[in-house]
N, C-alpha and C. Protein backbone atom coordinates (compact mmCIF):
# COMPACT_ATOMS: atom_id res chain seq x y z
N UNK A 1 29.99 153.35 126.76
CA UNK A 1 30.17 154.35 127.75
C UNK A 1 30.82 155.56 127.26
N UNK A 2 30.47 156.75 127.24
CA UNK A 2 31.27 157.83 126.78
C UNK A 2 32.43 158.21 127.84
N UNK A 3 33.54 158.80 127.26
CA UNK A 3 34.47 159.25 128.22
C UNK A 3 34.07 160.24 129.26
N UNK A 4 33.28 161.09 128.70
CA UNK A 4 32.62 162.21 129.62
C UNK A 4 31.70 161.58 130.68
N UNK A 5 30.96 160.44 130.35
CA UNK A 5 30.29 159.83 131.37
C UNK A 5 31.08 158.94 132.43
N UNK A 6 32.19 158.43 131.84
CA UNK A 6 33.30 157.91 132.83
C UNK A 6 33.71 158.85 133.69
N UNK A 7 34.11 159.97 133.23
CA UNK A 7 34.70 161.01 133.99
C UNK A 7 33.66 161.52 135.21
N UNK A 8 32.38 161.55 134.69
CA UNK A 8 31.29 162.04 135.63
C UNK A 8 31.12 160.85 136.76
N UNK A 9 31.10 159.66 136.35
CA UNK A 9 31.00 158.79 137.36
C UNK A 9 32.04 158.76 138.48
N UNK A 10 33.18 158.91 137.99
CA UNK A 10 34.53 158.96 138.91
C UNK A 10 34.17 160.13 139.79
N UNK A 11 33.74 161.25 139.40
CA UNK A 11 33.89 162.48 140.13
C UNK A 11 32.45 162.90 140.72
N UNK A 12 31.58 162.11 140.79
CA UNK A 12 30.28 162.11 141.68
C UNK A 12 30.32 161.04 142.64
N UNK A 13 30.39 161.58 143.94
CA UNK A 13 30.39 160.51 145.01
C UNK A 13 29.08 159.58 144.97
N UNK A 14 29.52 158.15 145.14
CA UNK A 14 28.41 157.12 145.10
C UNK A 14 27.44 157.38 146.01
N UNK A 15 27.84 157.60 147.37
CA UNK A 15 26.97 157.80 148.54
C UNK A 15 26.11 159.13 148.56
N UNK A 16 26.85 160.13 148.38
CA UNK A 16 26.15 161.26 148.51
C UNK A 16 25.45 161.93 147.26
N UNK A 17 25.98 161.48 146.08
CA UNK A 17 25.46 161.93 144.77
C UNK A 17 25.79 163.22 144.44
N UNK A 18 26.94 163.70 145.06
CA UNK A 18 27.35 165.24 144.63
C UNK A 18 28.83 165.16 144.32
N UNK A 19 29.28 166.11 143.45
CA UNK A 19 30.49 166.24 142.89
C UNK A 19 31.65 166.23 143.89
N UNK A 20 32.78 165.55 143.71
CA UNK A 20 33.88 165.54 144.68
C UNK A 20 34.84 166.78 144.36
N UNK A 21 34.55 167.43 143.31
CA UNK A 21 35.47 168.61 142.91
C UNK A 21 34.47 169.78 142.66
N UNK A 22 35.20 170.95 142.36
CA UNK A 22 34.62 172.17 141.90
C UNK A 22 33.84 171.89 140.72
N UNK A 23 32.58 172.56 140.72
CA UNK A 23 31.58 172.20 139.66
C UNK A 23 32.16 172.88 138.19
N UNK A 24 32.86 173.88 138.33
CA UNK A 24 33.49 174.43 137.13
C UNK A 24 34.44 173.61 136.58
N UNK A 25 35.36 173.08 137.22
CA UNK A 25 36.41 172.14 136.78
C UNK A 25 35.51 170.93 136.15
N UNK A 26 34.62 170.48 136.89
CA UNK A 26 33.94 169.16 136.33
C UNK A 26 33.45 169.44 135.10
N UNK A 27 32.68 170.65 134.93
CA UNK A 27 31.86 170.99 133.70
C UNK A 27 32.96 171.04 132.49
N UNK A 28 33.94 171.75 132.73
CA UNK A 28 34.91 171.87 131.65
C UNK A 28 35.68 170.72 131.35
N UNK A 29 35.94 169.83 132.21
CA UNK A 29 36.57 168.62 132.11
C UNK A 29 35.69 167.80 131.19
N UNK A 30 34.41 167.50 131.54
CA UNK A 30 33.63 166.64 130.75
C UNK A 30 33.42 167.14 129.34
N UNK A 31 33.45 168.50 129.21
CA UNK A 31 33.29 169.07 127.80
C UNK A 31 34.77 168.58 127.05
N UNK A 32 35.75 168.77 127.81
CA UNK A 32 37.03 168.34 127.32
C UNK A 32 37.01 166.84 126.76
N UNK A 33 36.37 166.08 127.65
CA UNK A 33 36.24 164.69 127.50
C UNK A 33 35.50 164.41 126.04
N UNK A 34 34.56 165.16 125.64
CA UNK A 34 33.76 165.03 124.34
C UNK A 34 34.82 165.25 123.23
N UNK A 35 35.59 166.24 123.41
CA UNK A 35 36.46 166.66 122.39
C UNK A 35 37.61 165.46 122.09
N UNK A 36 38.01 164.87 123.36
CA UNK A 36 38.86 163.67 123.14
C UNK A 36 38.24 162.54 122.53
N UNK A 37 36.96 162.23 122.91
CA UNK A 37 36.19 161.21 122.34
C UNK A 37 36.19 161.16 120.80
N UNK A 38 35.97 162.54 120.48
CA UNK A 38 35.77 162.60 118.94
C UNK A 38 37.21 162.71 118.39
N UNK A 39 38.13 163.02 119.00
CA UNK A 39 39.53 162.75 118.44
C UNK A 39 39.88 161.33 118.26
N UNK A 40 39.61 160.52 119.36
CA UNK A 40 39.88 159.02 119.36
C UNK A 40 39.22 158.44 118.29
N UNK A 41 38.01 158.90 117.79
CA UNK A 41 37.27 158.33 116.63
C UNK A 41 37.67 158.92 115.23
N UNK A 42 38.61 159.85 115.43
CA UNK A 42 39.20 160.26 114.07
C UNK A 42 38.36 161.34 113.50
N UNK A 43 37.32 161.90 114.37
CA UNK A 43 36.36 162.89 113.60
C UNK A 43 36.81 164.19 113.89
N UNK A 44 37.56 164.63 114.91
CA UNK A 44 38.00 165.98 115.17
C UNK A 44 39.49 165.81 115.48
N UNK A 45 40.27 166.73 114.85
CA UNK A 45 41.68 166.76 115.08
C UNK A 45 42.29 168.27 115.40
N UNK A 46 43.61 168.28 115.78
CA UNK A 46 44.19 169.56 116.05
C UNK A 46 45.15 169.57 115.06
N UNK A 47 45.14 170.62 114.13
CA UNK A 47 46.04 170.84 112.99
C UNK A 47 47.39 171.02 113.33
N UNK A 48 48.25 170.21 112.87
CA UNK A 48 49.53 170.09 113.09
C UNK A 48 50.47 171.15 112.48
N UNK A 49 49.95 171.46 111.22
CA UNK A 49 50.56 172.66 110.44
C UNK A 49 49.49 173.48 110.04
N UNK A 50 49.65 174.46 109.40
CA UNK A 50 48.74 175.33 108.83
C UNK A 50 48.07 174.69 107.59
N UNK A 51 46.78 174.44 107.68
CA UNK A 51 46.00 174.13 106.50
C UNK A 51 45.16 175.02 105.87
N UNK A 52 44.40 174.79 104.91
CA UNK A 52 43.52 175.83 104.30
C UNK A 52 42.46 176.28 105.13
N UNK A 53 42.49 177.68 105.43
CA UNK A 53 41.65 178.27 106.50
C UNK A 53 41.72 177.84 107.86
N UNK A 54 42.78 177.05 108.17
CA UNK A 54 42.87 176.62 109.64
C UNK A 54 44.39 176.79 109.99
N UNK A 55 44.60 177.50 111.06
CA UNK A 55 46.05 177.61 111.66
C UNK A 55 46.34 176.48 112.35
N UNK A 56 47.67 176.39 112.55
CA UNK A 56 48.29 175.34 113.47
C UNK A 56 47.70 175.44 114.83
N UNK A 57 47.32 174.30 115.39
CA UNK A 57 46.79 174.26 116.76
C UNK A 57 45.35 174.50 116.79
N UNK A 58 44.66 174.70 115.72
CA UNK A 58 43.30 175.04 115.82
C UNK A 58 42.53 173.59 115.46
N UNK A 59 41.26 173.56 115.89
CA UNK A 59 40.46 172.33 115.59
C UNK A 59 39.89 172.22 114.22
N UNK A 60 39.95 171.09 113.76
CA UNK A 60 39.65 170.79 112.27
C UNK A 60 38.71 169.60 112.28
N UNK A 61 37.50 169.54 111.77
CA UNK A 61 36.74 168.22 111.62
C UNK A 61 37.15 167.46 110.53
N UNK A 62 37.53 166.33 110.58
CA UNK A 62 37.95 165.39 109.69
C UNK A 62 36.94 164.52 108.93
N UNK A 63 35.99 164.17 109.86
CA UNK A 63 34.85 163.25 109.44
C UNK A 63 33.62 163.84 110.06
N UNK A 64 32.64 164.26 109.11
CA UNK A 64 31.41 164.76 109.45
C UNK A 64 30.30 163.72 109.66
N UNK A 65 30.60 162.57 109.53
CA UNK A 65 29.55 161.46 109.66
C UNK A 65 29.11 161.29 111.00
N UNK A 66 27.83 161.13 111.31
CA UNK A 66 27.24 161.08 112.80
C UNK A 66 28.08 160.03 113.48
N UNK A 67 28.44 160.10 114.80
CA UNK A 67 28.88 159.17 115.56
C UNK A 67 28.00 158.04 116.18
N UNK A 68 26.54 158.37 116.10
CA UNK A 68 25.65 157.53 116.43
C UNK A 68 25.23 157.67 117.89
N UNK A 69 25.84 158.73 118.54
CA UNK A 69 25.48 158.95 119.92
C UNK A 69 25.04 160.39 120.00
N UNK A 70 23.76 160.68 120.36
CA UNK A 70 23.35 162.07 120.41
C UNK A 70 24.27 163.25 120.92
N UNK A 71 24.86 162.85 122.11
CA UNK A 71 25.67 163.83 122.76
C UNK A 71 26.79 164.24 121.90
N UNK A 72 27.53 163.20 121.30
CA UNK A 72 28.59 163.28 120.51
C UNK A 72 28.35 164.05 119.22
N UNK A 73 27.15 163.60 118.63
CA UNK A 73 26.79 164.25 117.29
C UNK A 73 26.44 165.67 117.55
N UNK A 74 25.86 166.12 118.63
CA UNK A 74 25.68 167.48 118.84
C UNK A 74 26.90 168.31 119.08
N UNK A 75 27.87 167.56 119.76
CA UNK A 75 29.28 168.32 119.99
C UNK A 75 29.97 168.39 118.61
N UNK A 76 29.75 167.36 117.58
CA UNK A 76 30.41 167.52 116.47
C UNK A 76 29.76 168.40 115.56
N UNK A 77 28.56 168.66 115.58
CA UNK A 77 27.92 169.66 114.72
C UNK A 77 28.26 171.13 115.25
N UNK A 78 28.44 171.28 116.60
CA UNK A 78 28.85 172.48 117.22
C UNK A 78 30.26 172.82 116.76
N UNK A 79 31.17 171.76 116.74
CA UNK A 79 32.69 172.08 116.57
C UNK A 79 32.74 172.28 114.90
N UNK A 80 31.94 171.64 114.15
CA UNK A 80 32.03 171.89 112.71
C UNK A 80 31.72 173.27 112.36
N UNK A 81 30.84 173.99 113.16
CA UNK A 81 30.40 175.32 113.04
C UNK A 81 31.55 176.28 113.51
N UNK A 82 32.35 175.78 114.36
CA UNK A 82 33.40 176.35 114.87
C UNK A 82 34.70 176.04 114.21
N UNK A 83 34.64 175.47 113.15
CA UNK A 83 36.07 174.78 112.40
C UNK A 83 37.06 175.90 112.29
N UNK A 84 38.26 175.64 112.72
CA UNK A 84 39.44 176.52 112.67
C UNK A 84 39.42 177.21 114.06
N UNK A 85 38.63 177.02 115.15
CA UNK A 85 38.75 177.70 116.28
C UNK A 85 39.74 177.13 117.32
N UNK A 86 40.25 177.85 118.23
CA UNK A 86 41.03 177.35 119.23
C UNK A 86 40.36 176.38 120.17
N UNK A 87 40.72 175.21 120.75
CA UNK A 87 40.09 174.44 121.52
C UNK A 87 39.48 175.12 122.78
N UNK A 88 40.18 176.05 123.30
CA UNK A 88 39.65 176.76 124.59
C UNK A 88 38.39 177.46 124.18
N UNK A 89 38.25 178.01 122.98
CA UNK A 89 37.11 178.71 122.66
C UNK A 89 35.81 177.88 122.65
N UNK A 90 35.92 176.43 122.46
CA UNK A 90 34.70 175.72 122.43
C UNK A 90 34.38 174.83 123.58
N UNK A 91 35.48 174.73 124.77
CA UNK A 91 35.23 174.07 126.00
C UNK A 91 33.95 174.49 126.73
N UNK A 92 34.02 175.91 126.91
CA UNK A 92 32.95 176.51 127.67
C UNK A 92 31.55 176.36 126.93
N UNK A 93 31.38 176.59 125.83
CA UNK A 93 30.01 176.25 125.22
C UNK A 93 29.54 174.87 125.10
N UNK A 94 30.53 174.11 124.97
CA UNK A 94 30.24 172.53 124.91
C UNK A 94 29.83 172.08 126.34
N UNK A 95 30.46 172.77 127.44
CA UNK A 95 30.16 172.37 128.74
C UNK A 95 28.70 172.81 129.32
N UNK A 96 27.95 173.74 128.48
CA UNK A 96 26.70 174.26 129.05
C UNK A 96 25.58 173.22 128.98
N UNK A 97 25.14 172.88 130.14
CA UNK A 97 23.93 171.99 130.30
C UNK A 97 24.43 170.54 130.06
N UNK A 98 25.61 170.25 129.84
CA UNK A 98 26.27 168.98 129.51
C UNK A 98 26.03 167.95 130.75
N UNK A 99 26.51 168.55 131.82
CA UNK A 99 26.46 167.61 133.02
C UNK A 99 25.07 167.16 133.41
N UNK A 100 24.14 167.88 133.50
CA UNK A 100 22.74 167.66 133.58
C UNK A 100 22.31 166.64 132.50
N UNK A 101 22.66 166.86 131.41
CA UNK A 101 22.09 165.94 130.23
C UNK A 101 22.93 164.51 130.50
N UNK A 102 24.09 164.42 130.89
CA UNK A 102 24.56 163.10 130.95
C UNK A 102 24.21 162.34 132.21
N UNK A 103 23.94 163.19 133.46
CA UNK A 103 23.46 162.64 134.59
C UNK A 103 22.22 162.00 134.36
N UNK A 104 21.35 162.81 133.71
CA UNK A 104 19.84 162.29 133.34
C UNK A 104 19.84 161.03 132.57
N UNK A 105 20.88 160.97 131.62
CA UNK A 105 21.05 159.78 130.77
C UNK A 105 21.40 158.60 131.70
N UNK A 106 22.47 158.82 132.52
CA UNK A 106 23.04 157.55 133.28
C UNK A 106 21.81 157.28 134.26
N UNK A 107 21.07 158.27 134.81
CA UNK A 107 19.89 157.78 135.63
C UNK A 107 18.90 156.95 134.79
N UNK A 108 18.69 157.47 133.58
CA UNK A 108 17.56 156.58 132.81
C UNK A 108 18.11 155.15 132.35
N UNK A 109 19.48 155.02 132.56
CA UNK A 109 19.88 153.61 132.27
C UNK A 109 20.23 152.84 133.38
N UNK A 110 19.77 153.47 134.63
CA UNK A 110 19.77 152.63 135.85
C UNK A 110 21.18 152.58 136.51
N UNK A 111 22.05 153.51 136.16
CA UNK A 111 23.45 153.68 136.69
C UNK A 111 23.53 154.48 137.77
N UNK A 112 22.81 155.55 137.73
CA UNK A 112 22.74 156.59 138.90
C UNK A 112 21.21 156.58 139.24
N UNK A 113 21.00 157.07 140.38
CA UNK A 113 19.60 157.39 140.90
C UNK A 113 19.28 158.80 141.26
N UNK A 114 18.27 159.22 140.66
CA UNK A 114 17.84 160.84 140.77
C UNK A 114 17.17 160.91 142.12
N UNK A 115 17.53 161.87 142.98
CA UNK A 115 16.99 162.10 144.41
C UNK A 115 16.72 163.58 144.33
N UNK A 116 15.52 163.89 144.41
CA UNK A 116 15.03 165.43 144.49
C UNK A 116 14.95 165.77 145.89
N UNK A 117 15.26 166.89 146.34
CA UNK A 117 15.12 167.50 147.67
C UNK A 117 15.22 169.03 147.67
N UNK A 118 15.04 169.40 148.76
CA UNK A 118 15.18 170.96 149.04
C UNK A 118 16.22 171.32 150.16
N UNK A 119 16.82 172.39 150.01
CA UNK A 119 17.90 172.92 151.09
C UNK A 119 17.06 173.78 151.83
N UNK A 120 17.04 173.56 153.17
CA UNK A 120 16.39 174.57 154.01
C UNK A 120 14.92 174.53 153.80
N UNK A 121 14.47 173.53 153.12
CA UNK A 121 13.02 173.33 152.72
C UNK A 121 12.61 174.33 151.63
N UNK A 122 13.50 175.05 151.00
CA UNK A 122 13.16 176.08 150.09
C UNK A 122 13.75 175.74 148.76
N UNK A 123 15.19 175.83 148.72
CA UNK A 123 15.84 175.72 147.45
C UNK A 123 15.98 174.16 146.82
N UNK A 124 15.42 174.04 145.69
CA UNK A 124 15.53 172.75 145.02
C UNK A 124 16.86 172.16 144.79
N UNK A 125 17.14 170.86 144.93
CA UNK A 125 18.40 170.28 144.77
C UNK A 125 18.28 168.98 144.36
N UNK A 126 19.07 168.52 143.55
CA UNK A 126 19.21 167.04 142.98
C UNK A 126 20.35 166.48 143.20
N UNK A 127 20.26 165.12 143.78
CA UNK A 127 21.46 164.39 144.17
C UNK A 127 21.41 163.10 143.05
N UNK A 128 22.56 162.51 142.78
CA UNK A 128 22.83 161.41 141.81
C UNK A 128 23.68 160.27 142.52
N UNK A 129 23.17 159.73 143.55
CA UNK A 129 23.93 158.51 143.98
C UNK A 129 23.79 157.35 143.12
N UNK A 130 24.89 156.46 143.40
CA UNK A 130 25.11 155.28 142.39
C UNK A 130 23.92 154.22 142.60
N UNK A 131 23.37 153.75 141.44
CA UNK A 131 22.38 152.65 141.65
C UNK A 131 23.07 151.32 141.12
N UNK A 132 23.96 151.42 140.06
CA UNK A 132 24.66 150.36 139.68
C UNK A 132 26.07 150.63 139.53
N UNK A 133 27.09 150.26 140.36
CA UNK A 133 28.48 150.66 140.33
C UNK A 133 29.35 149.60 139.55
N UNK A 134 28.77 148.77 138.80
CA UNK A 134 29.78 147.72 138.22
C UNK A 134 30.68 148.33 137.32
N UNK A 135 30.14 149.20 136.35
CA UNK A 135 30.94 149.53 135.46
C UNK A 135 32.12 150.70 135.95
N UNK A 136 31.56 151.57 136.94
CA UNK A 136 32.51 152.38 137.69
C UNK A 136 33.53 151.74 138.38
N UNK A 137 33.33 150.49 139.24
CA UNK A 137 34.19 149.73 139.99
C UNK A 137 35.29 149.18 139.02
N UNK A 138 34.86 148.61 137.77
CA UNK A 138 35.81 148.01 136.83
C UNK A 138 36.70 149.08 136.27
N UNK A 139 36.08 150.33 136.15
CA UNK A 139 37.08 151.52 135.62
C UNK A 139 37.98 151.88 136.53
N UNK A 140 37.50 151.95 137.91
CA UNK A 140 38.59 152.38 138.97
C UNK A 140 39.71 151.33 139.09
N UNK A 141 39.39 149.94 138.90
CA UNK A 141 40.37 148.83 138.94
C UNK A 141 41.45 149.13 137.75
N UNK A 142 40.87 149.61 136.55
CA UNK A 142 41.73 149.74 135.39
C UNK A 142 42.73 150.93 135.64
N UNK A 143 42.10 151.82 136.30
CA UNK A 143 42.86 153.01 136.62
C UNK A 143 43.88 152.72 137.63
N UNK A 144 43.58 151.87 138.66
CA UNK A 144 44.61 151.53 139.66
C UNK A 144 45.71 150.80 138.89
N UNK A 145 45.37 149.89 138.08
CA UNK A 145 46.25 149.09 137.53
C UNK A 145 47.29 149.95 136.68
N UNK A 146 46.84 150.98 136.09
CA UNK A 146 47.74 151.95 135.19
C UNK A 146 48.50 152.81 136.09
N UNK A 147 47.89 153.37 137.00
CA UNK A 147 48.45 154.58 137.84
C UNK A 147 49.30 154.00 139.09
N UNK A 148 48.99 152.77 139.53
CA UNK A 148 49.62 152.36 140.60
C UNK A 148 50.45 151.17 140.44
N UNK A 149 50.01 150.16 139.64
CA UNK A 149 50.73 148.98 139.28
C UNK A 149 51.77 149.27 138.15
N UNK A 150 51.35 150.09 137.25
CA UNK A 150 52.15 150.63 136.04
C UNK A 150 51.86 149.84 134.84
N UNK A 151 50.79 149.32 134.60
CA UNK A 151 50.45 148.88 133.35
C UNK A 151 50.21 149.92 132.32
N UNK A 152 50.60 149.79 131.09
CA UNK A 152 50.33 150.55 129.91
C UNK A 152 48.97 150.87 129.71
N UNK A 153 48.49 152.22 129.59
CA UNK A 153 47.11 152.32 129.43
C UNK A 153 46.69 152.29 127.92
N UNK A 154 45.33 152.01 127.60
CA UNK A 154 44.94 151.85 126.31
C UNK A 154 44.42 153.39 125.93
N UNK A 155 43.94 153.72 124.85
CA UNK A 155 43.77 155.12 124.30
C UNK A 155 42.76 155.83 125.37
N UNK A 156 41.66 155.12 125.66
CA UNK A 156 40.56 155.51 126.44
C UNK A 156 40.88 155.93 128.02
N UNK A 157 41.69 154.82 128.49
CA UNK A 157 42.20 155.07 129.84
C UNK A 157 43.26 156.19 129.89
N UNK A 158 44.07 156.21 128.74
CA UNK A 158 45.21 157.41 128.89
C UNK A 158 44.49 158.83 128.62
N UNK A 159 43.47 158.92 127.83
CA UNK A 159 42.69 160.13 127.74
C UNK A 159 42.01 160.39 129.02
N UNK A 160 41.36 159.60 129.70
CA UNK A 160 40.94 159.81 130.92
C UNK A 160 41.65 160.22 132.11
N UNK A 161 43.03 159.42 132.04
CA UNK A 161 43.81 159.88 133.15
C UNK A 161 44.41 161.43 132.80
N UNK A 162 44.52 161.75 131.55
CA UNK A 162 44.98 162.97 131.16
C UNK A 162 44.25 164.19 131.61
N UNK A 163 42.76 163.78 131.69
CA UNK A 163 41.95 164.91 132.06
C UNK A 163 41.88 164.86 133.47
N UNK A 164 41.89 163.84 134.17
CA UNK A 164 41.92 163.73 135.61
C UNK A 164 43.19 164.45 136.12
N UNK A 165 44.17 164.28 135.49
CA UNK A 165 45.53 164.96 135.92
C UNK A 165 45.43 166.55 135.61
N UNK A 166 44.76 166.91 134.40
CA UNK A 166 44.60 168.41 134.13
C UNK A 166 43.80 169.13 135.25
N UNK A 167 42.91 168.54 135.85
CA UNK A 167 42.00 169.17 136.80
C UNK A 167 42.55 168.86 138.17
N UNK A 168 43.72 168.06 138.35
CA UNK A 168 44.25 167.81 139.57
C UNK A 168 43.37 167.02 140.63
N UNK A 169 42.74 166.00 140.09
CA UNK A 169 41.90 165.20 140.96
C UNK A 169 42.23 163.76 141.12
N UNK A 170 43.26 163.21 140.41
CA UNK A 170 43.77 161.98 140.63
C UNK A 170 43.76 161.36 141.96
N UNK A 171 44.28 161.92 143.01
CA UNK A 171 44.14 161.29 144.37
C UNK A 171 42.75 161.09 144.98
N UNK A 172 41.72 161.79 144.30
CA UNK A 172 40.33 161.58 144.77
C UNK A 172 39.74 160.41 144.03
N UNK A 173 40.29 160.13 142.98
CA UNK A 173 39.72 158.90 142.17
C UNK A 173 40.40 157.41 142.48
N UNK A 174 41.81 157.45 142.56
CA UNK A 174 42.55 156.36 142.84
C UNK A 174 43.23 156.51 144.17
N UNK A 175 43.05 155.38 145.02
CA UNK A 175 43.70 155.29 146.44
C UNK A 175 45.34 154.91 146.12
N UNK A 176 46.05 155.51 146.76
CA UNK A 176 47.49 155.23 146.99
C UNK A 176 48.24 155.76 148.07
N UNK A 177 49.01 155.05 148.76
CA UNK A 177 49.81 155.61 149.83
C UNK A 177 50.72 156.66 149.42
N UNK A 178 51.21 156.66 148.27
CA UNK A 178 52.14 157.64 147.69
C UNK A 178 51.54 158.62 146.63
N UNK A 179 50.79 159.79 147.21
CA UNK A 179 50.20 160.65 146.37
C UNK A 179 51.00 161.23 145.37
N UNK A 180 52.42 161.59 145.73
CA UNK A 180 53.19 162.22 144.85
C UNK A 180 53.60 161.40 143.57
N UNK A 181 53.83 160.06 143.89
CA UNK A 181 53.96 159.12 142.96
C UNK A 181 52.81 158.96 142.10
N UNK A 182 51.63 159.00 142.52
CA UNK A 182 50.40 158.76 141.75
C UNK A 182 50.16 159.96 140.87
N UNK A 183 50.46 161.24 141.43
CA UNK A 183 50.26 162.27 140.47
C UNK A 183 51.33 162.42 139.40
N UNK A 184 52.39 161.81 139.67
CA UNK A 184 53.76 162.04 138.70
C UNK A 184 53.49 161.05 137.65
N UNK A 185 52.79 159.74 138.01
CA UNK A 185 52.60 158.71 137.05
C UNK A 185 51.51 159.27 136.19
N UNK A 186 50.47 159.85 136.65
CA UNK A 186 49.29 160.42 135.91
C UNK A 186 49.90 161.51 134.95
N UNK A 187 50.73 162.32 135.38
CA UNK A 187 51.44 163.50 134.50
C UNK A 187 52.13 162.85 133.42
N UNK A 188 52.91 161.86 133.60
CA UNK A 188 53.55 161.08 132.59
C UNK A 188 52.48 160.53 131.52
N UNK A 189 51.51 159.94 131.91
CA UNK A 189 50.51 159.49 131.02
C UNK A 189 49.85 160.67 130.16
N UNK A 190 49.76 161.70 130.82
CA UNK A 190 49.17 162.84 130.16
C UNK A 190 50.02 163.33 129.17
N UNK A 191 51.24 163.25 129.25
CA UNK A 191 52.12 163.66 128.12
C UNK A 191 51.96 162.83 126.85
N UNK A 192 51.23 161.79 126.85
CA UNK A 192 50.77 160.90 125.64
C UNK A 192 51.66 160.10 124.95
N UNK A 193 52.63 159.45 125.63
CA UNK A 193 53.63 158.70 125.07
C UNK A 193 52.82 157.51 124.48
N UNK A 194 51.70 157.07 125.13
CA UNK A 194 50.83 156.02 124.74
C UNK A 194 50.11 156.09 123.42
N UNK A 195 50.17 157.18 122.95
CA UNK A 195 49.06 157.74 121.81
C UNK A 195 49.71 157.99 120.61
N UNK A 196 48.93 157.68 119.58
CA UNK A 196 49.43 158.05 118.08
C UNK A 196 49.55 159.65 118.06
N UNK A 197 50.25 160.04 117.14
CA UNK A 197 50.48 161.56 117.12
C UNK A 197 49.28 162.39 117.05
N UNK A 198 48.39 162.08 116.25
CA UNK A 198 46.99 162.93 116.40
C UNK A 198 46.27 162.91 117.54
N UNK A 199 46.23 161.89 118.18
CA UNK A 199 45.62 161.68 119.58
C UNK A 199 46.42 162.73 120.67
N UNK A 200 47.81 162.35 120.52
CA UNK A 200 48.77 163.15 121.57
C UNK A 200 48.50 164.53 121.42
N UNK A 201 48.39 164.97 120.11
CA UNK A 201 48.05 166.53 119.94
C UNK A 201 46.77 166.89 120.50
N UNK A 202 45.88 166.06 120.23
CA UNK A 202 44.48 166.37 120.84
C UNK A 202 44.42 166.28 122.23
N UNK A 203 45.20 165.54 123.03
CA UNK A 203 45.35 165.30 124.54
C UNK A 203 46.06 166.61 125.00
N UNK A 204 47.03 166.99 124.33
CA UNK A 204 47.86 168.10 124.83
C UNK A 204 46.90 169.50 124.80
N UNK A 205 46.21 169.67 123.53
CA UNK A 205 45.67 170.72 123.35
C UNK A 205 44.25 170.82 124.26
N UNK A 206 43.70 169.80 124.41
CA UNK A 206 42.42 169.70 125.27
C UNK A 206 42.88 169.93 126.72
N UNK A 207 43.80 169.28 127.17
CA UNK A 207 44.17 169.62 128.63
C UNK A 207 44.53 171.10 128.82
N UNK A 208 45.37 171.62 127.94
CA UNK A 208 45.67 173.04 128.03
C UNK A 208 44.52 173.99 127.87
N UNK A 209 43.53 173.58 127.13
CA UNK A 209 42.37 174.41 126.87
C UNK A 209 41.54 174.23 128.02
N UNK A 210 41.45 173.11 128.75
CA UNK A 210 40.58 172.90 129.87
C UNK A 210 41.04 173.72 130.99
N UNK A 211 42.43 173.59 131.28
CA UNK A 211 42.98 174.35 132.30
C UNK A 211 42.90 176.01 132.05
N UNK A 212 43.10 176.36 130.80
CA UNK A 212 42.96 177.61 130.47
C UNK A 212 41.47 178.21 130.87
N UNK A 213 40.57 177.57 130.35
CA UNK A 213 39.22 177.73 130.52
C UNK A 213 38.77 177.91 131.95
N UNK A 214 39.11 177.11 132.69
CA UNK A 214 38.97 176.97 134.22
C UNK A 214 39.52 178.21 134.78
N UNK A 215 40.80 178.61 134.41
CA UNK A 215 41.47 179.81 135.01
C UNK A 215 40.75 181.09 134.69
N UNK A 216 40.40 181.04 133.27
CA UNK A 216 39.61 182.27 132.86
C UNK A 216 38.24 182.47 133.53
N UNK A 217 37.65 181.29 133.83
CA UNK A 217 36.37 181.37 134.51
C UNK A 217 36.46 181.84 135.89
N UNK A 218 37.46 181.20 136.62
CA UNK A 218 37.67 181.79 137.95
C UNK A 218 38.03 183.30 138.13
N UNK A 219 38.88 183.68 136.99
CA UNK A 219 39.35 184.99 137.10
C UNK A 219 38.18 185.94 136.85
N UNK A 220 37.01 185.54 136.00
CA UNK A 220 36.01 186.44 135.62
C UNK A 220 35.13 186.43 136.90
N UNK A 221 35.00 185.26 137.66
CA UNK A 221 34.17 185.13 138.83
C UNK A 221 34.72 186.07 139.91
N UNK A 222 35.93 186.12 140.05
CA UNK A 222 36.65 186.91 141.04
C UNK A 222 36.52 188.33 140.78
N UNK A 223 36.68 188.76 139.53
CA UNK A 223 36.55 190.14 139.09
C UNK A 223 35.03 190.55 139.46
N UNK A 224 34.08 189.88 138.98
CA UNK A 224 32.72 190.25 139.20
C UNK A 224 32.23 190.26 140.60
N UNK A 225 32.98 189.46 141.49
CA UNK A 225 32.66 189.53 143.07
C UNK A 225 33.32 190.71 143.47
N UNK A 226 34.45 191.11 142.89
CA UNK A 226 35.10 192.18 143.50
C UNK A 226 34.54 193.63 143.26
C-alpha cells in the first residue's frame, strides 16, 4: 500500500465516502506522500549542499530505476524532468488527478466501494465508502500506538504522521481525550528524530512545500473570488 493510499483511506470517511478535510489540503498532501515514498525508497532526495546544477534544498533524483508501481513511476518520471526544482513547485502538478486515480485503484482492489449519484438529481457525484477496512483499522491502531501510547514510529508511520500534522488533521484520524498532547506528539514526530538524515530532510521539505502550496492555492482562490 502506498503512503498516499494510506493517507487517503484515513481522510475519506468510511461511512459517507467523503473527505473529512478540505479537498485542496487532501490533494496536496497525497502528492506530498508520493514524494516521501520516493524519498523512503532512496529514489528522490533533497540536496543537502549545492551539487552540480542543483542548489541546496532542491529535488534531485538519485535512482531512475522504476519503482514497479505505476503511480510512483509516473511521479518519478515527472520529478526527473523537474530535477533541481523546489519541492513546492512539483506538489501541485503531482496532485492533479491523483486522488481520483488512487480512489479508483482502491475500489478496483475491493478496499473502497464506488457509489455514483446525483446532487439535486442533476449534478453527478461519486462517493467512496469503505468495503474492506482491515488495512485501515490496523493502520489506525499503529497510529494510536505511536501518537497516544508513545511508541517509536517506523519510517512509514513517521512520514505519514508528518503529513497529517502538516495539514492539521491528526485529531480527525486518531481519537484522544487530550487533543493538545496528540498534536504536540505529532509535531515532535514531524521533526524527524526517528529518521535518517536524507529522509528527515525530505520530510521537512515536503511538509513545508505542502503547507506553502495549500496557502498559495487558498490565496489565489481568494483573489479570484474577490
